[in-house]
Amino acid sequence: MFRYSLFKSPKPLQYTYIPRYYDPEKEELHERIRAAKKDAGDPIEGMKARIGKSYHERLRERNQSTRRAVRQSNTRVFVIIAVLFVLAYLFLTEYLPSIESFLE
């Protein structure tokens, strides 16, 4: 039977994660060796696998270049907005008193 207390709360569950070393070059080498062994067995399936892999590589490169272009565009827009704010501030501090006196 469970007994609930007013001030005690249950302890959170423990999560034990042991990080492992990841070497992308080694993984790519193992993938290429596996693909070469697969190609030796059935040439048609190997050709399909190569075409699919090249398609996915081109798609990944295109996504990376798109992200890079978007990041550059966002940076450019931010710099332009900052320059416009500085110019507007300088213009208002310099010419606003003369504009006010002209309007009066």
C-alpha atoms as a PDB file:
ATOM      1  CA  MET A   1       0.000   0.000   0.000  1.00  0.00           C
ATOM      2  CA  PHE A   2       1.319   3.429  -0.949  1.00  0.00           C
ATOM      3  CA  ARG A   3       1.532   6.149   1.565  1.00  0.00           C
ATOM      4  CA  TYR A   4       1.559   9.711   0.277  1.00  0.00           C
ATOM      5  CA  SER A   5       3.116  12.482   2.267  1.00  0.00           C
ATOM      6  CA  LEU A   6       2.342  16.130   1.977  1.00  0.00           C
ATOM      7  CA  PHE A   7       5.928  17.354   1.576  1.00  0.00           C
ATOM      8  CA  LYS A   8       7.763  14.421   0.025  1.00  0.00           C
ATOM      9  CA  SER A   9       7.865  14.057  -3.719  1.00  0.00           C
ATOM     10  CA  PRO A  10       9.042  11.040  -5.650  1.00  0.00           C
ATOM     11  CA  LYS A  11      12.595  11.097  -6.949  1.00  0.00           C
ATOM     12  CA  PRO A  12      13.005  11.553 -10.696  1.00  0.00           C
ATOM     13  CA  LEU A  13      13.936   8.570 -12.785  1.00  0.00           C
ATOM     14  CA  GLN A  14      17.626   8.248 -13.516  1.00  0.00           C
ATOM     15  CA  TYR A  15      18.796   8.277 -17.101  1.00  0.00           C
ATOM     16  CA  THR A  16      22.146   6.690 -17.675  1.00  0.00           C
ATOM     17  CA  TYR A  17      23.601   7.605 -21.034  1.00  0.00           C
ATOM     18  CA  ILE A  18      27.086   6.484 -21.896  1.00  0.00           C
ATOM     19  CA  PRO A  19      28.430   8.548 -24.813  1.00  0.00           C
ATOM     20  CA  ARG A  20      30.362   6.668 -27.431  1.00  0.00           C
ATOM     21  CA  TYR A  21      33.021   7.938 -29.784  1.00  0.00           C
ATOM     22  CA  TYR A  22      31.724   8.555 -33.300  1.00  0.00           C
ATOM     23  CA  ASP A  23      34.106   8.745 -36.235  1.00  0.00           C
ATOM     24  CA  PRO A  24      32.244   9.805 -39.420  1.00  0.00           C
ATOM     25  CA  GLU A  25      35.166   8.858 -41.679  1.00  0.00           C
ATOM     26  CA  LYS A  26      35.271   5.349 -40.247  1.00  0.00           C
ATOM     27  CA  GLU A  27      31.503   5.016 -40.596  1.00  0.00           C
ATOM     28  CA  GLU A  28      31.703   6.154 -44.227  1.00  0.00           C
ATOM     29  CA  LEU A  29      34.489   3.638 -44.903  1.00  0.00           C
ATOM     30  CA  HIS A  30      32.420   0.801 -43.408  1.00  0.00           C
ATOM     31  CA  GLU A  31      29.399   1.912 -45.436  1.00  0.00           C
ATOM     32  CA  ARG A  32      31.451   1.933 -48.647  1.00  0.00           C
ATOM     33  CA  ILE A  33      32.871  -1.522 -47.914  1.00  0.00           C
ATOM     34  CA  ARG A  34      29.366  -2.864 -47.213  1.00  0.00           C
ATOM     35  CA  ALA A  35      28.065  -1.288 -50.430  1.00  0.00           C
ATOM     36  CA  ALA A  36      30.957  -2.762 -52.443  1.00  0.00           C
ATOM     37  CA  LYS A  37      30.226  -6.236 -51.079  1.00  0.00           C
ATOM     38  CA  LYS A  38      26.550  -5.782 -51.902  1.00  0.00           C
ATOM     39  CA  ASP A  39      27.430  -4.625 -55.454  1.00  0.00           C
ATOM     40  CA  ALA A  40      29.497  -7.759 -56.039  1.00  0.00           C
ATOM     41  CA  GLY A  41      26.483  -9.984 -55.378  1.00  0.00           C
ATOM     42  CA  ASP A  42      23.840  -8.359 -57.597  1.00  0.00           C
ATOM     43  CA  PRO A  43      24.973  -5.692 -60.094  1.00  0.00           C
ATOM     44  CA  ILE A  44      21.466  -4.303 -60.720  1.00  0.00           C
ATOM     45  CA  GLU A  45      20.742  -3.798 -57.022  1.00  0.00           C
ATOM     46  CA  GLY A  46      24.202  -2.282 -56.597  1.00  0.00           C
ATOM     47  CA  MET A  47      23.504   0.173 -59.379  1.00  0.00           C
ATOM     48  CA  LYS A  48      20.212   1.153 -57.762  1.00  0.00           C
ATOM     49  CA  ALA A  49      21.975   1.657 -54.443  1.00  0.00           C
ATOM     50  CA  ARG A  50      24.683   3.863 -56.056  1.00  0.00           C
ATOM     51  CA  ILE A  51      22.078   5.984 -57.833  1.00  0.00           C
ATOM     52  CA  GLY A  52      20.074   6.400 -54.629  1.00  0.00           C
ATOM     53  CA  LYS A  53      23.181   7.280 -52.642  1.00  0.00           C
ATOM     54  CA  SER A  54      24.314   9.877 -55.177  1.00  0.00           C
ATOM     55  CA  TYR A  55      20.803  11.363 -55.179  1.00  0.00           C
ATOM     56  CA  HIS A  56      20.797  11.660 -51.393  1.00  0.00           C
ATOM     57  CA  GLU A  57      24.293  13.188 -51.387  1.00  0.00           C
ATOM     58  CA  ARG A  58      23.241  15.833 -53.928  1.00  0.00           C
ATOM     59  CA  LEU A  59      20.103  16.552 -51.918  1.00  0.00           C
ATOM     60  CA  ARG A  60      22.151  16.967 -48.723  1.00  0.00           C
ATOM     61  CA  GLU A  61      24.630  19.295 -50.483  1.00  0.00           C
ATOM     62  CA  ARG A  62      21.777  21.350 -51.919  1.00  0.00           C
ATOM     63  CA  ASN A  63      20.178  21.664 -48.465  1.00  0.00           C
ATOM     64  CA  GLN A  64      23.490  22.771 -46.984  1.00  0.00           C
ATOM     65  CA  SER A  65      24.005  25.389 -49.679  1.00  0.00           C
ATOM     66  CA  THR A  66      20.427  26.609 -49.217  1.00  0.00           C
ATOM     67  CA  ARG A  67      20.946  26.943 -45.457  1.00  0.00           C
ATOM     68  CA  ARG A  68      24.194  28.818 -46.068  1.00  0.00           C
ATOM     69  CA  ALA A  69      22.476  31.195 -48.503  1.00  0.00           C
ATOM     70  CA  VAL A  70      19.608  31.837 -46.074  1.00  0.00           C
ATOM     71  CA  ARG A  71      22.072  32.529 -43.255  1.00  0.00           C
ATOM     72  CA  GLN A  72      24.021  34.982 -45.439  1.00  0.00           C
ATOM     73  CA  SER A  73      20.795  36.693 -46.492  1.00  0.00           C
ATOM     74  CA  ASN A  74      19.630  37.024 -42.891  1.00  0.00           C
ATOM     75  CA  THR A  75      22.982  38.482 -41.879  1.00  0.00           C
ATOM     76  CA  ARG A  76      22.858  40.957 -44.741  1.00  0.00           C
ATOM     77  CA  VAL A  77      19.326  42.071 -43.802  1.00  0.00           C
ATOM     78  CA  PHE A  78      20.355  42.517 -40.156  1.00  0.00           C
ATOM     79  CA  VAL A  79      23.351  44.661 -41.144  1.00  0.00           C
ATOM     80  CA  ILE A  80      21.218  46.808 -43.463  1.00  0.00           C
ATOM     81  CA  ILE A  81      18.610  47.356 -40.739  1.00  0.00           C
ATOM     82  CA  ALA A  82      21.316  48.278 -38.226  1.00  0.00           C
ATOM     83  CA  VAL A  83      22.874  50.789 -40.634  1.00  0.00           C
ATOM     84  CA  LEU A  84      19.455  52.325 -41.354  1.00  0.00           C
ATOM     85  CA  PHE A  85      18.752  52.708 -37.631  1.00  0.00           C
ATOM     86  CA  VAL A  86      22.097  54.415 -37.080  1.00  0.00           C
ATOM     87  CA  LEU A  87      21.520  56.764 -40.023  1.00  0.00           C
ATOM     88  CA  ALA A  88      17.990  57.575 -38.820  1.00  0.00           C
ATOM     89  CA  TYR A  89      19.297  58.298 -35.315  1.00  0.00           C
ATOM     90  CA  LEU A  90      22.021  60.580 -36.667  1.00  0.00           C
ATOM     91  CA  PHE A  91      19.573  62.347 -38.957  1.00  0.00           C
ATOM     92  CA  LEU A  92      17.040  62.903 -36.171  1.00  0.00           C
ATOM     93  CA  THR A  93      19.598  64.158 -33.656  1.00  0.00           C
ATOM     94  CA  GLU A  94      21.122  66.553 -36.200  1.00  0.00           C
ATOM     95  CA  TYR A  95      18.112  67.893 -38.087  1.00  0.00           C
ATOM     96  CA  LEU A  96      15.125  67.457 -35.753  1.00  0.00           C
ATOM     97  CA  PRO A  97      15.666  70.755 -33.878  1.00  0.00           C
ATOM     98  CA  SER A  98      15.817  72.727 -37.146  1.00  0.00           C
ATOM     99  CA  ILE A  99      12.683  70.958 -38.437  1.00  0.00           C
ATOM    100  CA  GLU A 100      10.830  71.778 -35.193  1.00  0.00           C
ATOM    101  CA  SER A 101      11.833  75.437 -35.381  1.00  0.00           C
ATOM    102  CA  PHE A 102      10.755  75.567 -39.039  1.00  0.00           C
ATOM    103  CA  LEU A 103       7.320  74.135 -38.187  1.00  0.00           C
ATOM    104  CA  GLU A 104       6.723  76.636 -35.388  1.00  0.00           C
END
